[in-house]
Amino acid sequence: MLCRQEGVTEPATIHAASPSILAVMDGLQLQWLLHPTEIELAEASELAVRAIVNAVLHPGPDLTVSSRG
């Protein structure tokens, strides 16, 4: 709904966000389980989800590596 509201209609971009969020959450939870006193799970999760949502709503420049010498 947020994507539609913000005018994002590219299905590939929208569908890539969900598994990306889940992957980040899995990784953060694992790190929290291994180092619970060093990881602020809620804060780190919010930052990651905001970054992914922001990247979908306001994509930046292409990050592919250039072969220019």
N, C-alpha and C. Protein backbone atom coordinates (compact mmCIF):
# COMPACT_ATOMS: atom_id res chain seq x y z
N MET A 1 0.82 -1.18 0.00
CA MET A 1 0.00 0.00 0.00
C MET A 1 0.88 1.26 0.00
N LEU A 2 1.95 1.26 0.78
CA LEU A 2 2.84 2.41 0.81
C LEU A 2 3.47 2.66 -0.56
N CYS A 3 3.87 1.57 -1.22
CA CYS A 3 4.46 1.73 -2.56
C CYS A 3 3.46 2.38 -3.51
N ARG A 4 2.25 1.88 -3.54
CA ARG A 4 1.23 2.44 -4.41
C ARG A 4 0.99 3.91 -4.08
N GLN A 5 0.90 4.20 -2.79
CA GLN A 5 0.67 5.57 -2.33
C GLN A 5 1.80 6.50 -2.78
N GLU A 6 3.03 6.00 -2.82
CA GLU A 6 4.19 6.81 -3.20
C GLU A 6 4.50 6.73 -4.69
N GLY A 7 3.68 5.99 -5.46
CA GLY A 7 3.87 5.92 -6.90
C GLY A 7 4.88 4.90 -7.38
N VAL A 8 5.28 3.98 -6.50
CA VAL A 8 6.21 2.92 -6.89
C VAL A 8 5.39 1.75 -7.42
N THR A 9 5.59 1.44 -8.70
CA THR A 9 4.78 0.39 -9.31
C THR A 9 5.59 -0.73 -9.94
N GLU A 10 6.92 -0.64 -9.89
CA GLU A 10 7.77 -1.67 -10.50
C GLU A 10 7.70 -2.95 -9.66
N PRO A 11 7.05 -4.02 -10.20
CA PRO A 11 6.87 -5.25 -9.42
C PRO A 11 8.19 -5.86 -8.93
N ALA A 12 9.22 -5.85 -9.74
CA ALA A 12 10.49 -6.48 -9.33
C ALA A 12 11.07 -5.77 -8.11
N THR A 13 11.00 -4.47 -8.09
CA THR A 13 11.52 -3.71 -6.95
C THR A 13 10.71 -3.99 -5.70
N ILE A 14 9.42 -3.98 -5.85
CA ILE A 14 8.54 -4.21 -4.70
C ILE A 14 8.74 -5.61 -4.15
N HIS A 15 8.82 -6.60 -5.03
CA HIS A 15 8.96 -7.99 -4.59
C HIS A 15 10.35 -8.28 -4.02
N ALA A 16 11.34 -7.51 -4.35
CA ALA A 16 12.68 -7.71 -3.80
C ALA A 16 12.77 -7.20 -2.37
N ALA A 17 11.92 -6.26 -2.00
CA ALA A 17 12.00 -5.65 -0.67
C ALA A 17 11.64 -6.65 0.44
N SER A 18 10.60 -7.42 0.26
CA SER A 18 10.17 -8.33 1.32
C SER A 18 11.23 -9.36 1.71
N PRO A 19 11.79 -10.10 0.76
CA PRO A 19 12.83 -11.06 1.18
C PRO A 19 14.08 -10.37 1.69
N SER A 20 14.35 -9.17 1.22
CA SER A 20 15.50 -8.42 1.73
C SER A 20 15.30 -8.08 3.20
N ILE A 21 14.10 -7.62 3.54
CA ILE A 21 13.80 -7.31 4.94
C ILE A 21 13.90 -8.56 5.80
N LEU A 22 13.34 -9.66 5.32
CA LEU A 22 13.40 -10.91 6.09
C LEU A 22 14.84 -11.39 6.28
N ALA A 23 15.66 -11.27 5.24
CA ALA A 23 17.05 -11.69 5.34
C ALA A 23 17.82 -10.86 6.36
N VAL A 24 17.60 -9.55 6.33
CA VAL A 24 18.26 -8.67 7.30
C VAL A 24 17.79 -9.01 8.71
N MET A 25 16.49 -9.23 8.87
CA MET A 25 15.96 -9.57 10.19
C MET A 25 16.56 -10.87 10.71
N ASP A 26 16.67 -11.88 9.84
CA ASP A 26 17.28 -13.14 10.25
C ASP A 26 18.73 -12.94 10.70
N GLY A 27 19.48 -12.16 9.93
CA GLY A 27 20.87 -11.90 10.28
C GLY A 27 21.01 -11.14 11.58
N LEU A 28 20.17 -10.14 11.77
CA LEU A 28 20.21 -9.36 13.01
C LEU A 28 19.83 -10.21 14.21
N GLN A 29 18.83 -11.07 14.04
CA GLN A 29 18.43 -11.93 15.14
C GLN A 29 19.54 -12.91 15.50
N LEU A 30 20.22 -13.43 14.51
CA LEU A 30 21.34 -14.33 14.77
C LEU A 30 22.45 -13.61 15.53
N GLN A 31 22.79 -12.41 15.08
CA GLN A 31 23.81 -11.63 15.78
C GLN A 31 23.38 -11.31 17.21
N TRP A 32 22.12 -11.02 17.41
CA TRP A 32 21.61 -10.74 18.74
C TRP A 32 21.69 -11.98 19.63
N LEU A 33 21.38 -13.15 19.05
CA LEU A 33 21.49 -14.38 19.84
C LEU A 33 22.93 -14.67 20.24
N LEU A 34 23.86 -14.37 19.35
CA LEU A 34 25.28 -14.61 19.63
C LEU A 34 25.86 -13.56 20.57
N HIS A 35 25.39 -12.33 20.48
CA HIS A 35 25.95 -11.21 21.26
C HIS A 35 24.82 -10.31 21.77
N PRO A 36 24.00 -10.82 22.67
CA PRO A 36 22.81 -10.07 23.09
C PRO A 36 23.12 -8.74 23.77
N THR A 37 24.28 -8.60 24.37
CA THR A 37 24.59 -7.34 25.04
C THR A 37 25.18 -6.31 24.09
N GLU A 38 25.55 -6.74 22.90
CA GLU A 38 26.18 -5.83 21.94
C GLU A 38 25.24 -5.36 20.84
N ILE A 39 24.12 -6.03 20.67
CA ILE A 39 23.18 -5.72 19.59
C ILE A 39 21.89 -5.19 20.18
N GLU A 40 21.50 -4.01 19.77
CA GLU A 40 20.19 -3.45 20.13
C GLU A 40 19.24 -3.85 19.00
N LEU A 41 18.57 -4.98 19.18
CA LEU A 41 17.81 -5.60 18.09
C LEU A 41 16.73 -4.68 17.52
N ALA A 42 15.96 -4.05 18.35
CA ALA A 42 14.87 -3.19 17.86
C ALA A 42 15.43 -2.01 17.07
N GLU A 43 16.46 -1.37 17.60
CA GLU A 43 17.05 -0.21 16.93
C GLU A 43 17.68 -0.60 15.59
N ALA A 44 18.44 -1.69 15.58
CA ALA A 44 19.08 -2.14 14.35
C ALA A 44 18.04 -2.58 13.32
N SER A 45 16.99 -3.23 13.79
CA SER A 45 15.92 -3.67 12.87
C SER A 45 15.22 -2.48 12.24
N GLU A 46 14.91 -1.48 13.04
CA GLU A 46 14.24 -0.29 12.50
C GLU A 46 15.11 0.40 11.46
N LEU A 47 16.40 0.53 11.75
CA LEU A 47 17.32 1.16 10.81
C LEU A 47 17.34 0.40 9.48
N ALA A 48 17.44 -0.92 9.55
CA ALA A 48 17.52 -1.73 8.34
C ALA A 48 16.23 -1.66 7.52
N VAL A 49 15.10 -1.77 8.20
CA VAL A 49 13.81 -1.72 7.49
C VAL A 49 13.62 -0.34 6.86
N ARG A 50 13.96 0.72 7.59
CA ARG A 50 13.83 2.07 7.03
C ARG A 50 14.73 2.23 5.80
N ALA A 51 15.94 1.69 5.86
CA ALA A 51 16.87 1.80 4.73
C ALA A 51 16.32 1.08 3.50
N ILE A 52 15.78 -0.10 3.69
CA ILE A 52 15.25 -0.86 2.56
C ILE A 52 14.01 -0.17 1.99
N VAL A 53 13.10 0.24 2.84
CA VAL A 53 11.90 0.94 2.37
C VAL A 53 12.29 2.23 1.65
N ASN A 54 13.23 2.96 2.21
CA ASN A 54 13.68 4.20 1.58
C ASN A 54 14.30 3.92 0.21
N ALA A 55 15.04 2.84 0.10
CA ALA A 55 15.65 2.49 -1.18
C ALA A 55 14.60 2.14 -2.23
N VAL A 56 13.50 1.56 -1.80
CA VAL A 56 12.41 1.24 -2.73
C VAL A 56 11.67 2.52 -3.14
N LEU A 57 11.40 3.37 -2.16
CA LEU A 57 10.63 4.58 -2.44
C LEU A 57 11.44 5.66 -3.15
N HIS A 58 12.73 5.72 -2.86
CA HIS A 58 13.60 6.76 -3.41
C HIS A 58 14.93 6.15 -3.85
N PRO A 59 14.91 5.37 -4.92
CA PRO A 59 16.15 4.69 -5.33
C PRO A 59 17.25 5.70 -5.68
N GLY A 60 18.45 5.33 -5.29
CA GLY A 60 19.61 6.16 -5.58
C GLY A 60 20.27 5.73 -6.87
N PRO A 61 21.51 6.13 -7.05
CA PRO A 61 22.23 5.76 -8.28
C PRO A 61 22.51 4.26 -8.34
N ASP A 62 22.71 3.77 -9.54
CA ASP A 62 23.06 2.38 -9.75
C ASP A 62 24.39 2.10 -9.06
N LEU A 63 24.47 1.01 -8.32
CA LEU A 63 25.69 0.69 -7.57
C LEU A 63 26.57 -0.36 -8.25
N THR A 64 26.29 -0.65 -9.51
CA THR A 64 27.12 -1.62 -10.21
C THR A 64 28.52 -1.06 -10.42
N VAL A 65 29.49 -1.94 -10.43
CA VAL A 65 30.88 -1.54 -10.58
C VAL A 65 31.15 -1.22 -12.05
N SER A 66 31.76 -0.10 -12.27
CA SER A 66 32.11 0.32 -13.62
C SER A 66 33.44 -0.30 -14.02
N SER A 67 33.58 -0.61 -15.30
CA SER A 67 34.85 -1.18 -15.78
C SER A 67 35.74 -0.11 -16.39
N ARG A 68 35.43 1.15 -16.11
CA ARG A 68 36.28 2.23 -16.63
C ARG A 68 37.65 2.17 -15.99
N GLY A 69 38.67 2.35 -16.80
CA GLY A 69 40.02 2.22 -16.31
C GLY A 69 40.61 3.50 -15.99
